[in-house]
N, C-alpha and C. Protein backbone atom coordinates (compact mmCIF):
# COMPACT_ATOMS: atom_id res chain seq x y z
N UNK A 1 50.87 -1.32 12.51
CA UNK A 1 51.89 -1.88 13.75
C UNK A 1 53.10 -0.85 14.48
N UNK A 2 52.69 -1.09 15.62
CA UNK A 2 53.93 0.09 16.11
C UNK A 2 55.26 -0.27 16.43
N UNK A 3 55.82 0.98 17.08
CA UNK A 3 57.64 0.49 17.27
C UNK A 3 57.62 -0.76 18.42
N UNK A 4 56.73 -0.36 19.59
CA UNK A 4 56.80 -0.66 21.14
C UNK A 4 56.17 -2.60 20.01
N UNK A 5 55.06 -2.62 19.65
CA UNK A 5 54.54 -3.89 19.27
C UNK A 5 55.68 -4.32 18.18
N UNK A 6 56.45 -3.98 17.36
CA UNK A 6 57.14 -4.58 16.86
C UNK A 6 58.46 -5.03 17.53
N UNK A 7 59.05 -4.18 18.49
CA UNK A 7 60.28 -4.97 19.64
C UNK A 7 60.10 -5.56 20.04
N UNK A 8 58.34 -5.64 20.56
CA UNK A 8 58.13 -7.33 21.17
C UNK A 8 57.95 -8.29 20.57
N UNK A 9 57.38 -8.33 19.45
CA UNK A 9 57.63 -9.16 18.65
C UNK A 9 58.77 -9.54 18.25
N UNK A 10 59.83 -9.31 17.88
CA UNK A 10 61.29 -9.56 17.90
C UNK A 10 61.66 -10.38 19.16
N UNK A 11 61.57 -9.39 20.07
CA UNK A 11 61.88 -10.12 21.46
C UNK A 11 61.66 -11.62 21.64
N UNK A 12 60.23 -11.66 21.37
CA UNK A 12 59.68 -13.21 21.48
C UNK A 12 59.99 -14.29 20.88
N UNK A 13 60.86 -14.06 19.91
CA UNK A 13 61.51 -14.83 18.80
C UNK A 13 62.82 -14.69 19.14
N UNK A 14 63.92 -13.80 20.29
CA UNK A 14 64.97 -14.33 20.66
C UNK A 14 66.12 -13.21 19.77
N UNK A 15 65.07 -12.28 18.65
CA UNK A 15 66.11 -11.51 18.23
C UNK A 15 66.19 -10.20 18.70
N UNK A 16 67.53 -9.87 18.52
CA UNK A 16 68.34 -8.38 19.07
C UNK A 16 67.60 -7.57 17.81
N UNK A 17 67.00 -6.49 18.11
CA UNK A 17 66.74 -5.61 17.41
C UNK A 17 66.45 -4.14 17.83
N UNK A 18 66.22 -3.21 16.72
CA UNK A 18 66.77 -1.96 16.97
C UNK A 18 65.41 -1.52 16.33
N UNK A 19 64.67 -1.35 16.63
CA UNK A 19 63.16 -0.63 15.62
C UNK A 19 62.68 1.02 15.64
N UNK A 20 62.31 1.94 14.96
CA UNK A 20 62.49 3.41 15.03
C UNK A 20 60.85 3.65 13.74
N UNK A 21 61.26 5.03 14.41
CA UNK A 21 59.62 5.16 14.17
C UNK A 21 59.91 5.82 12.40
N UNK A 22 61.07 6.42 12.65
CA UNK A 22 61.42 7.76 11.36
C UNK A 22 63.38 7.70 11.81
N UNK A 23 63.57 7.30 10.31
CA UNK A 23 65.21 7.39 10.64
C UNK A 23 65.71 7.56 9.35
N UNK A 24 67.05 8.37 9.13
CA UNK A 24 67.71 8.61 7.76
C UNK A 24 67.94 7.30 6.86
N UNK A 25 68.60 6.25 7.46
CA UNK A 25 68.57 4.76 7.14
C UNK A 25 68.95 4.23 7.76
N UNK A 26 68.77 3.37 7.69
CA UNK A 26 69.06 1.64 8.78
C UNK A 26 70.42 1.09 8.79
N UNK A 27 70.65 1.20 7.43
CA UNK A 27 71.97 0.47 7.19
C UNK A 27 73.10 1.66 7.69
N UNK A 28 72.90 3.38 7.27
CA UNK A 28 73.79 3.89 7.96
C UNK A 28 73.78 4.24 9.40
N UNK A 29 72.82 4.31 9.88
CA UNK A 29 72.90 3.45 11.31
C UNK A 29 73.45 2.72 11.40
N UNK A 30 73.96 1.12 11.23
CA UNK A 30 74.12 0.47 12.04
C UNK A 30 75.70 0.51 11.27
N UNK A 31 76.27 0.91 10.49
CA UNK A 31 77.46 1.28 10.23
C UNK A 31 77.94 2.32 11.14
N UNK A 32 76.95 3.22 11.20
CA UNK A 32 77.89 3.85 12.40
C UNK A 32 78.04 3.61 13.85
N UNK A 33 77.01 3.13 13.91
CA UNK A 33 76.36 2.67 15.87
C UNK A 33 76.70 0.70 15.43
N UNK A 34 77.89 -0.07 15.35
CA UNK A 34 77.82 -1.55 15.52
C UNK A 34 77.17 -2.06 16.37
N UNK A 35 76.52 -3.16 16.15
CA UNK A 35 75.73 -3.76 16.96
C UNK A 35 76.62 -5.38 17.08
N UNK A 36 76.13 -6.61 17.43
CA UNK A 36 76.00 -7.32 18.09
C UNK A 36 76.27 -8.03 16.47
N UNK A 37 76.31 -9.50 15.66
CA UNK A 37 75.54 -9.92 14.90
C UNK A 37 74.59 -10.26 15.03
N UNK A 38 73.69 -10.59 14.06
CA UNK A 38 72.25 -10.75 14.18
C UNK A 38 71.44 -9.71 14.34
N UNK A 39 72.11 -8.76 14.89
CA UNK A 39 71.21 -7.82 15.14
C UNK A 39 69.76 -7.54 14.17
N UNK A 40 69.29 -6.93 13.78
CA UNK A 40 68.01 -6.27 13.61
C UNK A 40 67.92 -5.18 13.57
N UNK A 41 67.86 -4.16 12.74
CA UNK A 41 67.28 -2.75 12.36
C UNK A 41 66.28 -2.29 11.45
N UNK A 42 64.97 -1.70 12.01
CA UNK A 42 63.60 -1.75 11.22
C UNK A 42 63.38 -0.80 11.44
N UNK A 43 63.01 0.28 10.62
CA UNK A 43 62.44 1.92 10.64
C UNK A 43 60.73 1.49 9.93
N UNK A 44 60.37 2.58 10.52
CA UNK A 44 58.74 2.84 9.77
C UNK A 44 58.85 3.39 8.39
N UNK A 45 59.35 3.70 8.62
CA UNK A 45 60.36 5.03 7.07
C UNK A 45 61.67 5.61 7.28
N UNK A 46 62.16 6.52 6.09
CA UNK A 46 63.39 6.83 6.04
C UNK A 46 63.27 7.72 5.85
N UNK A 47 64.26 8.95 5.60
CA UNK A 47 64.17 9.98 5.58
C UNK A 47 65.25 10.17 4.10
N UNK A 48 66.31 9.68 4.34
CA UNK A 48 67.54 8.98 3.77
C UNK A 48 67.99 7.92 3.29
N UNK A 49 66.77 7.57 2.54
CA UNK A 49 66.90 5.50 2.18
C UNK A 49 67.70 5.87 0.91
N UNK A 50 68.97 4.96 0.49
CA UNK A 50 69.67 4.60 -0.67
C UNK A 50 69.72 3.25 -1.06
N UNK A 51 70.10 3.46 -2.61
CA UNK A 51 70.67 2.28 -2.78
C UNK A 51 72.16 2.35 -3.45
N UNK A 52 72.28 1.15 -4.09
CA UNK A 52 73.47 1.69 -4.52
C UNK A 52 74.45 2.68 -5.13
N UNK A 53 75.17 2.86 -5.05
CA UNK A 53 75.95 4.36 -6.25
C UNK A 53 75.09 5.68 -5.33
N UNK A 54 75.01 5.93 -3.90
CA UNK A 54 74.06 6.68 -3.29
C UNK A 54 72.54 6.73 -3.91
N UNK A 55 72.40 6.87 -4.64
CA UNK A 55 71.03 6.52 -5.27
C UNK A 55 69.61 6.27 -4.72
N UNK A 56 68.67 7.59 -4.81
CA UNK A 56 68.20 7.64 -3.38
C UNK A 56 66.58 6.75 -3.65
N UNK A 57 66.40 6.74 -2.50
CA UNK A 57 65.48 5.12 -2.54
C UNK A 57 64.57 5.56 -1.69
N UNK A 58 63.01 5.62 -2.16
CA UNK A 58 61.85 6.38 -1.57
C UNK A 58 61.12 5.61 -0.54
N UNK A 59 61.61 5.86 0.89
CA UNK A 59 60.85 5.06 1.64
C UNK A 59 59.90 5.98 2.89
N UNK A 60 58.23 5.53 1.87
CA UNK A 60 57.55 6.25 2.82
C UNK A 60 56.91 5.61 3.93
N UNK A 61 56.26 5.86 4.74
CA UNK A 61 55.71 4.80 5.98
C UNK A 61 54.72 3.46 4.80
N UNK A 62 55.11 2.91 4.32
CA UNK A 62 54.41 1.83 3.48
C UNK A 62 55.12 1.25 2.98
N UNK A 63 56.15 0.97 3.43
CA UNK A 63 57.17 -0.54 3.45
C UNK A 63 58.20 -0.43 4.34
N UNK A 64 58.88 -1.73 4.13
CA UNK A 64 59.99 -2.71 4.60
C UNK A 64 61.30 -1.65 4.39
N UNK A 65 61.52 -1.46 5.52
CA UNK A 65 63.18 -1.10 5.97
C UNK A 65 64.06 -1.76 6.59
N UNK A 66 64.56 -2.41 6.21
CA UNK A 66 65.69 -2.84 7.06
C UNK A 66 67.06 -3.36 7.04
N UNK A 67 67.85 -3.86 7.98
CA UNK A 67 69.28 -4.44 7.84
C UNK A 67 69.76 -4.90 8.77
N UNK A 68 70.73 -5.91 8.60
CA UNK A 68 70.88 -6.55 9.37
C UNK A 68 72.24 -6.74 9.69
N UNK A 69 72.90 -7.14 10.37
CA UNK A 69 74.27 -6.67 10.42
C UNK A 69 74.81 -8.24 11.16
N UNK A 70 75.84 -8.85 9.92
CA UNK A 70 76.32 -10.21 9.69
C UNK A 70 78.20 -9.54 9.57
N UNK A 71 78.26 -11.46 10.11
CA UNK A 71 80.02 -10.96 10.18
C UNK A 71 80.86 -10.53 8.94
N UNK A 72 81.54 -9.93 8.57
CA UNK A 72 82.26 -9.45 7.47
C UNK A 72 82.90 -11.16 6.62
N UNK A 73 82.50 -11.66 5.36
CA UNK A 73 82.83 -13.24 5.67
C UNK A 73 83.77 -13.24 3.68
N UNK A 74 84.90 -12.84 3.98
CA UNK A 74 86.01 -12.48 2.88
C UNK A 74 85.50 -13.42 1.45
N UNK A 75 85.56 -12.73 0.16
CA UNK A 75 85.34 -13.43 -1.00
C UNK A 75 84.10 -14.46 -1.20
N UNK A 76 82.94 -14.17 -0.51
CA UNK A 76 81.73 -14.22 -0.64
C UNK A 76 80.69 -13.49 -0.80
N UNK A 77 79.82 -14.14 -1.83
CA UNK A 77 78.73 -12.87 -2.57
C UNK A 77 77.78 -12.82 -1.75
N UNK A 78 77.39 -11.91 -0.86
CA UNK A 78 76.79 -10.95 -0.07
C UNK A 78 75.51 -10.75 -0.90
N UNK A 79 75.62 -10.02 -1.62
CA UNK A 79 74.31 -9.31 -2.06
C UNK A 79 73.68 -10.60 -3.12
N UNK A 80 74.30 -11.74 -3.29
CA UNK A 80 73.18 -12.78 -3.92
C UNK A 80 72.40 -13.55 -2.90
N UNK A 81 73.26 -13.93 -1.63
CA UNK A 81 73.21 -14.87 -0.76
C UNK A 81 71.64 -13.64 -0.35
N UNK A 82 72.05 -12.85 -0.12
CA UNK A 82 70.71 -11.58 0.34
C UNK A 82 69.44 -11.55 -0.65
N UNK A 83 69.82 -11.42 -1.87
CA UNK A 83 68.24 -11.96 -2.57
C UNK A 83 67.66 -13.04 -2.54
N UNK A 84 69.02 -14.00 -2.66
CA UNK A 84 68.18 -15.28 -2.10
C UNK A 84 66.90 -15.52 -1.01
N UNK A 85 67.74 -15.06 -0.03
CA UNK A 85 67.22 -14.73 1.38
C UNK A 85 65.63 -14.46 0.79
N UNK A 86 65.67 -12.98 0.28
CA UNK A 86 64.18 -12.36 -0.02
C UNK A 86 63.26 -13.47 -0.73
N UNK A 87 63.87 -13.43 -1.55
CA UNK A 87 63.23 -14.31 -2.62
C UNK A 87 62.39 -15.65 -2.13
N UNK A 88 63.04 -16.40 -1.25
CA UNK A 88 62.75 -17.87 -0.87
C UNK A 88 61.95 -17.40 0.49
N UNK A 89 61.94 -16.31 1.10
CA UNK A 89 60.93 -15.57 1.95
C UNK A 89 59.82 -15.31 1.02
N UNK A 90 59.37 -14.49 0.31
CA UNK A 90 58.26 -14.18 -0.02
C UNK A 90 57.22 -15.67 -0.92
N UNK A 91 58.59 -16.15 -1.52
CA UNK A 91 57.77 -17.87 -1.36
C UNK A 91 57.45 -18.76 -0.16
N UNK A 92 58.53 -18.39 0.67
CA UNK A 92 57.80 -19.37 1.77
C UNK A 92 56.10 -18.88 2.62
N UNK A 93 56.43 -17.50 2.11
CA UNK A 93 55.20 -16.79 3.66
C UNK A 93 54.22 -16.52 2.44
N UNK A 94 54.21 -16.47 1.03
CA UNK A 94 52.97 -15.89 -0.08
C UNK A 94 52.77 -17.12 -0.83
N UNK A 95 53.83 -17.81 -1.46
CA UNK A 95 53.96 -18.69 -2.67
C UNK A 95 54.32 -18.01 -3.79
N UNK A 96 54.40 -16.66 -3.91
CA UNK A 96 55.44 -16.28 -5.02
C UNK A 96 56.26 -16.46 -5.33
N UNK A 97 56.74 -16.68 -7.06
CA UNK A 97 57.30 -16.64 -7.53
C UNK A 97 58.45 -15.59 -8.36
N UNK A 98 59.12 -15.07 -7.15
CA UNK A 98 59.94 -13.40 -7.67
C UNK A 98 60.92 -13.64 -8.45
N UNK A 99 61.63 -12.16 -9.37
CA UNK A 99 62.41 -12.93 -10.25
C UNK A 99 63.22 -11.65 -9.39
N UNK A 100 64.77 -12.13 -10.13
CA UNK A 100 65.62 -11.22 -9.89
C UNK A 100 66.29 -10.36 -10.84
N UNK A 101 66.47 -9.45 -11.11
CA UNK A 101 67.27 -8.51 -11.97
C UNK A 101 69.09 -8.06 -11.72
N UNK A 102 70.07 -8.23 -12.42
CA UNK A 102 70.80 -8.15 -11.78
C UNK A 102 71.17 -6.94 -11.51
N UNK A 103 71.81 -6.55 -10.38
CA UNK A 103 72.34 -7.72 -9.56
C UNK A 103 71.13 -7.96 -8.02
N UNK A 104 71.02 -6.71 -7.58
CA UNK A 104 69.77 -6.72 -6.41
C UNK A 104 68.82 -6.15 -6.31
N UNK A 105 68.20 -6.20 -7.70
CA UNK A 105 66.35 -5.59 -7.53
C UNK A 105 65.35 -6.86 -7.58
N UNK A 106 64.05 -7.18 -6.78
CA UNK A 106 63.67 -7.78 -6.65
C UNK A 106 62.16 -7.64 -7.88
N UNK A 107 61.97 -8.20 -9.04
CA UNK A 107 61.01 -7.40 -9.76
C UNK A 107 59.60 -8.17 -10.09
N UNK A 108 58.99 -7.91 -10.11
CA UNK A 108 57.56 -8.36 -10.90
C UNK A 108 56.80 -7.53 -12.36
N UNK A 109 56.39 -8.17 -13.30
CA UNK A 109 56.25 -7.49 -13.90
C UNK A 109 57.08 -5.94 -14.56
N UNK A 110 58.50 -6.17 -14.69
CA UNK A 110 59.69 -5.18 -15.07
C UNK A 110 58.95 -4.08 -14.21
N UNK A 111 58.49 -4.34 -13.11
CA UNK A 111 58.48 -3.10 -11.53
C UNK A 111 59.07 -3.41 -10.66
N UNK A 112 59.63 -2.53 -9.89
CA UNK A 112 60.92 -2.71 -8.60
C UNK A 112 59.98 -3.26 -7.19
N UNK A 113 59.76 -4.37 -7.06
CA UNK A 113 59.36 -4.34 -5.69
C UNK A 113 60.40 -4.59 -4.20
N UNK A 114 61.65 -4.64 -4.63
CA UNK A 114 62.34 -4.96 -3.47
C UNK A 114 63.67 -4.53 -4.22
N UNK A 115 64.78 -3.97 -3.29
CA UNK A 115 66.25 -3.28 -3.30
C UNK A 115 67.08 -3.63 -2.25
N UNK A 116 68.61 -4.70 -2.42
CA UNK A 116 69.15 -4.57 -1.15
C UNK A 116 70.37 -3.73 -1.31
N UNK A 117 71.31 -3.70 -0.21
CA UNK A 117 72.66 -3.02 -0.25
C UNK A 117 73.27 -3.31 0.82
N UNK A 118 74.31 -4.34 0.19
CA UNK A 118 75.00 -4.40 0.97
C UNK A 118 76.64 -3.89 1.16
N UNK A 119 77.02 -3.42 2.57
CA UNK A 119 78.14 -2.48 2.71
C UNK A 119 78.55 -3.08 3.66
N UNK A 120 80.39 -2.93 3.52
CA UNK A 120 81.07 -3.94 4.52
C UNK A 120 81.60 -2.51 5.42
N UNK A 121 82.05 -2.97 6.45
CA UNK A 121 82.69 -1.97 7.40
C UNK A 121 84.09 -2.53 8.10
N UNK A 122 85.26 -2.10 7.64
CA UNK A 122 86.35 -2.95 7.75
C UNK A 122 87.08 -2.40 9.18
N UNK A 123 86.62 -3.41 10.38
CA UNK A 123 87.74 -2.75 11.63
C UNK A 123 88.28 -3.80 12.60
N UNK A 124 89.12 -3.87 11.42
CA UNK A 124 90.82 -5.29 11.95
C UNK A 124 89.37 -6.52 12.28
N UNK A 125 89.91 -6.91 12.98
CA UNK A 125 88.79 -8.45 13.63
C UNK A 125 87.69 -8.12 13.94
N UNK A 126 86.91 -6.70 13.90
CA UNK A 126 85.78 -6.40 14.51
C UNK A 126 85.00 -6.35 12.94
N UNK A 127 85.20 -6.43 11.91
CA UNK A 127 85.02 -5.95 10.57
C UNK A 127 83.76 -6.37 10.32
N UNK A 128 82.99 -6.38 9.49
CA UNK A 128 81.16 -6.76 9.54
C UNK A 128 80.53 -5.94 8.46
N UNK A 129 79.43 -6.52 8.50
CA UNK A 129 78.66 -6.37 7.07
C UNK A 129 76.98 -5.76 7.40
N UNK A 130 76.97 -4.95 6.74
CA UNK A 130 75.23 -4.53 6.88
C UNK A 130 74.77 -4.49 5.98
N UNK A 131 73.61 -5.66 5.49
CA UNK A 131 72.64 -6.02 4.42
C UNK A 131 71.17 -5.37 4.85
N UNK A 132 71.16 -4.41 3.90
CA UNK A 132 70.11 -3.49 3.53
C UNK A 132 68.63 -4.28 2.97
N UNK A 133 67.56 -4.37 3.42
CA UNK A 133 66.58 -4.34 2.33
C UNK A 133 65.45 -3.03 2.23
N UNK A 134 64.43 -2.84 1.27
CA UNK A 134 63.97 -1.72 1.10
C UNK A 134 62.77 -2.32 0.44
N UNK A 135 61.44 -2.60 0.79
CA UNK A 135 60.71 -3.15 0.29
C UNK A 135 59.09 -2.82 -0.05
N UNK A 136 58.57 -2.42 -0.80
CA UNK A 136 57.32 -1.74 -1.15
C UNK A 136 56.39 -2.82 -1.01
N UNK A 137 55.43 -1.99 0.28
CA UNK A 137 54.69 -3.37 1.22
C UNK A 137 52.91 -2.87 0.47
N UNK A 138 52.85 -1.44 1.30
CA UNK A 138 51.52 -1.41 0.95
C UNK A 138 50.67 -0.49 -0.18
N UNK A 139 49.51 -0.52 -0.74
CA UNK A 139 49.15 0.36 -1.94
C UNK A 139 49.13 1.74 -1.76
N UNK A 140 49.71 2.52 -3.04
CA UNK A 140 49.10 3.16 -2.58
C UNK A 140 50.17 4.65 -1.30
N UNK A 141 51.17 3.86 -1.09
CA UNK A 141 52.05 4.68 -0.28
C UNK A 141 53.20 5.26 -0.98
N UNK A 142 54.08 5.03 -2.60
CA UNK A 142 54.45 5.51 -3.24
C UNK A 142 54.34 6.89 -4.06
N UNK A 143 55.04 7.58 -4.68
CA UNK A 143 54.85 8.91 -5.50
C UNK A 143 54.19 7.84 -6.43
N UNK A 144 53.61 8.96 -7.51
CA UNK A 144 52.39 8.75 -9.08
C UNK A 144 54.33 8.44 -9.37
N UNK A 145 55.05 9.40 -9.59
CA UNK A 145 56.16 9.11 -10.52
C UNK A 145 57.03 7.42 -10.38
N UNK A 146 57.12 7.29 -8.68
CA UNK A 146 57.86 6.21 -8.54
C UNK A 146 56.95 4.69 -8.83
N UNK A 147 55.53 5.13 -8.57
CA UNK A 147 54.86 3.81 -8.66
C UNK A 147 54.76 3.17 -10.34
N UNK A 148 55.41 4.18 -11.28
CA UNK A 148 55.59 3.92 -12.80
C UNK A 148 56.31 2.70 -13.11
N UNK A 149 57.37 2.75 -11.76
CA UNK A 149 58.69 1.65 -12.17
C UNK A 149 58.80 0.79 -10.72
N UNK A 150 57.77 0.69 -9.85
CA UNK A 150 57.67 -0.03 -9.10
C UNK A 150 56.24 -0.88 -8.28
N UNK A 151 56.52 -1.47 -7.64
CA UNK A 151 54.92 -2.23 -7.05
C UNK A 151 55.09 -2.57 -5.64
N UNK A 152 54.22 -2.74 -5.42
CA UNK A 152 53.68 -2.80 -3.61
C UNK A 152 53.49 -4.76 -3.64
N UNK A 153 53.85 -4.67 -2.54
CA UNK A 153 53.73 -6.36 -2.39
C UNK A 153 51.99 -6.83 -2.06
N UNK A 154 51.03 -5.76 -1.74
CA UNK A 154 49.68 -5.77 -1.72
C UNK A 154 49.18 -5.97 -3.15
N UNK A 155 49.98 -4.96 -4.24
CA UNK A 155 49.86 -5.26 -5.36
C UNK A 155 49.37 -6.62 -5.56
N UNK A 156 50.70 -7.03 -5.66
CA UNK A 156 51.22 -8.25 -6.04
C UNK A 156 50.15 -9.75 -5.45
N UNK A 157 49.44 -9.30 -4.33
CA UNK A 157 49.24 -11.22 -3.88
C UNK A 157 47.57 -10.20 -3.81
N UNK A 158 46.98 -9.22 -4.19
CA UNK A 158 45.88 -8.39 -4.32
C UNK A 158 45.00 -8.53 -3.21
N UNK A 159 45.78 -8.17 -2.45
CA UNK A 159 44.81 -8.34 -0.57
C UNK A 159 45.58 -7.15 0.20
N UNK A 160 44.52 -7.14 1.09
CA UNK A 160 45.18 -6.03 2.20
C UNK A 160 46.18 -7.04 3.21
N UNK A 161 47.17 -6.73 3.52
CA UNK A 161 47.73 -7.87 4.39
C UNK A 161 48.01 -7.11 5.54
N UNK A 162 48.02 -8.44 6.45
CA UNK A 162 47.86 -7.93 8.23
C UNK A 162 48.71 -7.08 8.46
N UNK A 163 48.58 -6.37 9.84
CA UNK A 163 49.41 -5.42 10.85
C UNK A 163 50.50 -6.06 10.64
N UNK A 164 51.08 -7.24 11.33
CA UNK A 164 52.20 -7.45 11.48
C UNK A 164 53.03 -8.19 10.69
N UNK A 165 52.70 -7.86 9.33
CA UNK A 165 53.59 -8.44 8.23
C UNK A 165 54.95 -7.99 7.95
N UNK A 166 55.45 -6.77 8.82
CA UNK A 166 56.39 -5.86 8.89
C UNK A 166 57.22 -6.92 9.48
N UNK A 167 57.56 -7.29 11.30
CA UNK A 167 58.02 -7.96 11.86
C UNK A 167 58.09 -9.82 11.28
N UNK A 168 57.20 -9.80 10.75
CA UNK A 168 57.05 -11.55 9.93
C UNK A 168 57.66 -11.58 9.12
N UNK A 169 57.87 -10.95 8.15
CA UNK A 169 58.68 -10.54 6.39
C UNK A 169 60.06 -10.05 7.44
N UNK A 170 60.62 -9.33 8.06
CA UNK A 170 61.76 -8.80 8.74
C UNK A 170 62.13 -10.73 8.87
N UNK A 171 61.54 -10.82 9.75
CA UNK A 171 62.31 -12.10 10.98
C UNK A 171 62.61 -13.40 9.71
N UNK A 172 61.55 -13.40 8.64
CA UNK A 172 62.12 -14.45 8.33
C UNK A 172 63.05 -14.25 7.01
N UNK A 173 63.13 -13.18 6.05
CA UNK A 173 63.89 -12.76 5.66
C UNK A 173 65.93 -12.84 5.85
N UNK A 174 65.65 -12.28 7.59
CA UNK A 174 66.90 -12.10 8.54
C UNK A 174 67.31 -14.30 8.92
N UNK A 175 66.01 -14.49 9.24
CA UNK A 175 66.53 -16.15 9.02
C UNK A 175 67.22 -16.83 7.67
N UNK A 176 66.50 -16.75 6.96
CA UNK A 176 66.67 -16.87 5.51
C UNK A 176 68.41 -16.60 5.20
N UNK A 177 68.15 -14.98 5.41
CA UNK A 177 69.83 -14.93 5.05
C UNK A 177 71.19 -15.44 5.72
N UNK A 178 70.97 -15.86 7.36
CA UNK A 178 71.71 -16.34 8.39
C UNK A 178 72.07 -17.83 7.57
N UNK A 179 70.83 -18.45 6.87
CA UNK A 179 70.81 -19.66 6.88
C UNK A 179 71.62 -19.92 5.34
N UNK A 180 71.94 -18.33 4.51
CA UNK A 180 72.20 -18.68 3.42
C UNK A 180 73.84 -18.46 3.55
N UNK A 181 74.29 -17.89 4.40
CA UNK A 181 75.67 -17.33 4.62
C UNK A 181 75.98 -18.59 5.46
N UNK A 182 75.68 -19.74 5.56
CA UNK A 182 76.47 -20.79 6.09
C UNK A 182 76.78 -21.75 5.14
N UNK A 183 76.05 -21.72 4.05
CA UNK A 183 76.02 -22.37 2.50
C UNK A 183 77.59 -22.06 1.81
N UNK A 184 77.94 -22.57 1.25
CA UNK A 184 79.72 -22.70 0.10
C UNK A 184 78.91 -21.37 -0.70
N UNK A 185 80.12 -20.83 -1.15
CA UNK A 185 79.54 -19.71 -2.23
C UNK A 185 79.33 -20.48 -3.09
N UNK A 186 79.72 -21.58 -3.93
CA UNK A 186 79.21 -22.07 -5.18
C UNK A 186 77.16 -22.40 -4.71
N UNK A 187 77.41 -22.68 -3.33
CA UNK A 187 75.57 -23.47 -3.80
C UNK A 187 74.79 -21.68 -4.00
N UNK A 188 75.32 -20.88 -3.20
CA UNK A 188 74.73 -19.55 -2.99
C UNK A 188 74.39 -18.90 -4.63
N UNK A 189 75.82 -19.03 -5.20
CA UNK A 189 75.57 -19.09 -6.91
C UNK A 189 74.53 -19.38 -7.69
N UNK A 190 74.94 -20.56 -7.49
CA UNK A 190 73.47 -21.18 -8.13
C UNK A 190 72.33 -21.14 -8.35
N UNK A 191 72.05 -20.98 -6.58
CA UNK A 191 70.05 -20.36 -6.00
C UNK A 191 70.45 -19.79 -6.91
N UNK A 192 71.27 -18.38 -6.64
CA UNK A 192 70.83 -16.80 -7.24
C UNK A 192 70.58 -16.90 -9.49
N UNK A 193 71.46 -18.16 -9.94
CA UNK A 193 71.33 -18.38 -11.30
C UNK A 193 70.39 -18.72 -11.53
N UNK A 194 69.18 -19.43 -10.54
CA UNK A 194 68.09 -20.04 -10.85
C UNK A 194 66.80 -19.14 -10.63
N UNK A 195 66.94 -17.39 -10.12
CA UNK A 195 66.01 -16.52 -9.95
C UNK A 195 66.72 -15.82 -10.70
N UNK A 196 67.60 -15.13 -11.21
CA UNK A 196 68.39 -14.27 -11.86
C UNK A 196 67.78 -14.31 -13.36
N UNK A 197 66.75 -13.45 -13.56
CA UNK A 197 66.16 -13.51 -15.36
C UNK A 197 67.68 -12.42 -16.13
N UNK A 198 68.49 -11.72 -15.60
CA UNK A 198 69.19 -11.22 -16.43
C UNK A 198 70.08 -11.71 -17.07
N UNK A 199 71.27 -11.73 -17.93
CA UNK A 199 71.93 -12.07 -18.38
C UNK A 199 73.41 -11.85 -17.39
N UNK A 200 73.84 -12.64 -16.97
CA UNK A 200 75.49 -11.88 -16.16
C UNK A 200 76.15 -11.67 -16.98
N UNK A 201 76.81 -10.68 -16.30
CA UNK A 201 78.41 -10.35 -16.82
C UNK A 201 79.17 -11.46 -17.13
N UNK A 202 79.85 -11.26 -18.02
CA UNK A 202 81.03 -12.90 -18.51
C UNK A 202 81.74 -12.02 -17.33
N UNK A 203 82.63 -11.07 -17.00
CA UNK A 203 83.21 -10.75 -15.97
C UNK A 203 82.59 -10.38 -14.65
N UNK A 204 81.47 -10.80 -14.66
CA UNK A 204 81.46 -11.23 -13.01
C UNK A 204 81.76 -11.06 -11.90
N UNK A 205 81.77 -10.65 -11.24
CA UNK A 205 82.98 -11.22 -9.74
C UNK A 205 81.96 -11.36 -8.49
N UNK A 206 81.90 -12.46 -8.23
CA UNK A 206 80.58 -13.01 -7.22
C UNK A 206 81.49 -13.06 -5.62
N UNK A 207 81.00 -11.33 -4.83
CA UNK A 207 81.57 -11.10 -3.58
C UNK A 207 80.83 -10.29 -3.50
């Protein structure tokens, strides 16, 4: 599915969006170019994808790379809410029960399917948060080395996914995340504890 058709899909569902053939990072773009809340940025590939602590996130043209611009909410577990949203999207669309490894990795059989990165930008009353998702979708898209520790959605469902899977999945994650942000902090944390297989640190701060 090309950039134009993906853009048309989002427009048909009333979602403001930015769709790129290639970009350094959808998170980086939204941080530097603030958009209205709810705007979804999606790239078919990234040249400088990154995770926590600026770790490199391999982003070939075989995955889902999206970021959502949302209102900054003080003292709210954004990363946990984002993990809940992605896990529930995969359950709703494919019937998959995905685990989360503390704090922001979706894993299957000890291999990483998706990483999440929440980054807040503080601009007075215009402060906002950008939440990025990087998910491996197609078989054979990752390097041999990365494939040892990562897994694709096609490998999990054991079938080829439709061409429009990127906008369908991106929109479902965005809708789920917006629903999570309307919940109480306690409800988000409780849901996260249900899907997290790691021992949560005793000194963990849920923000």
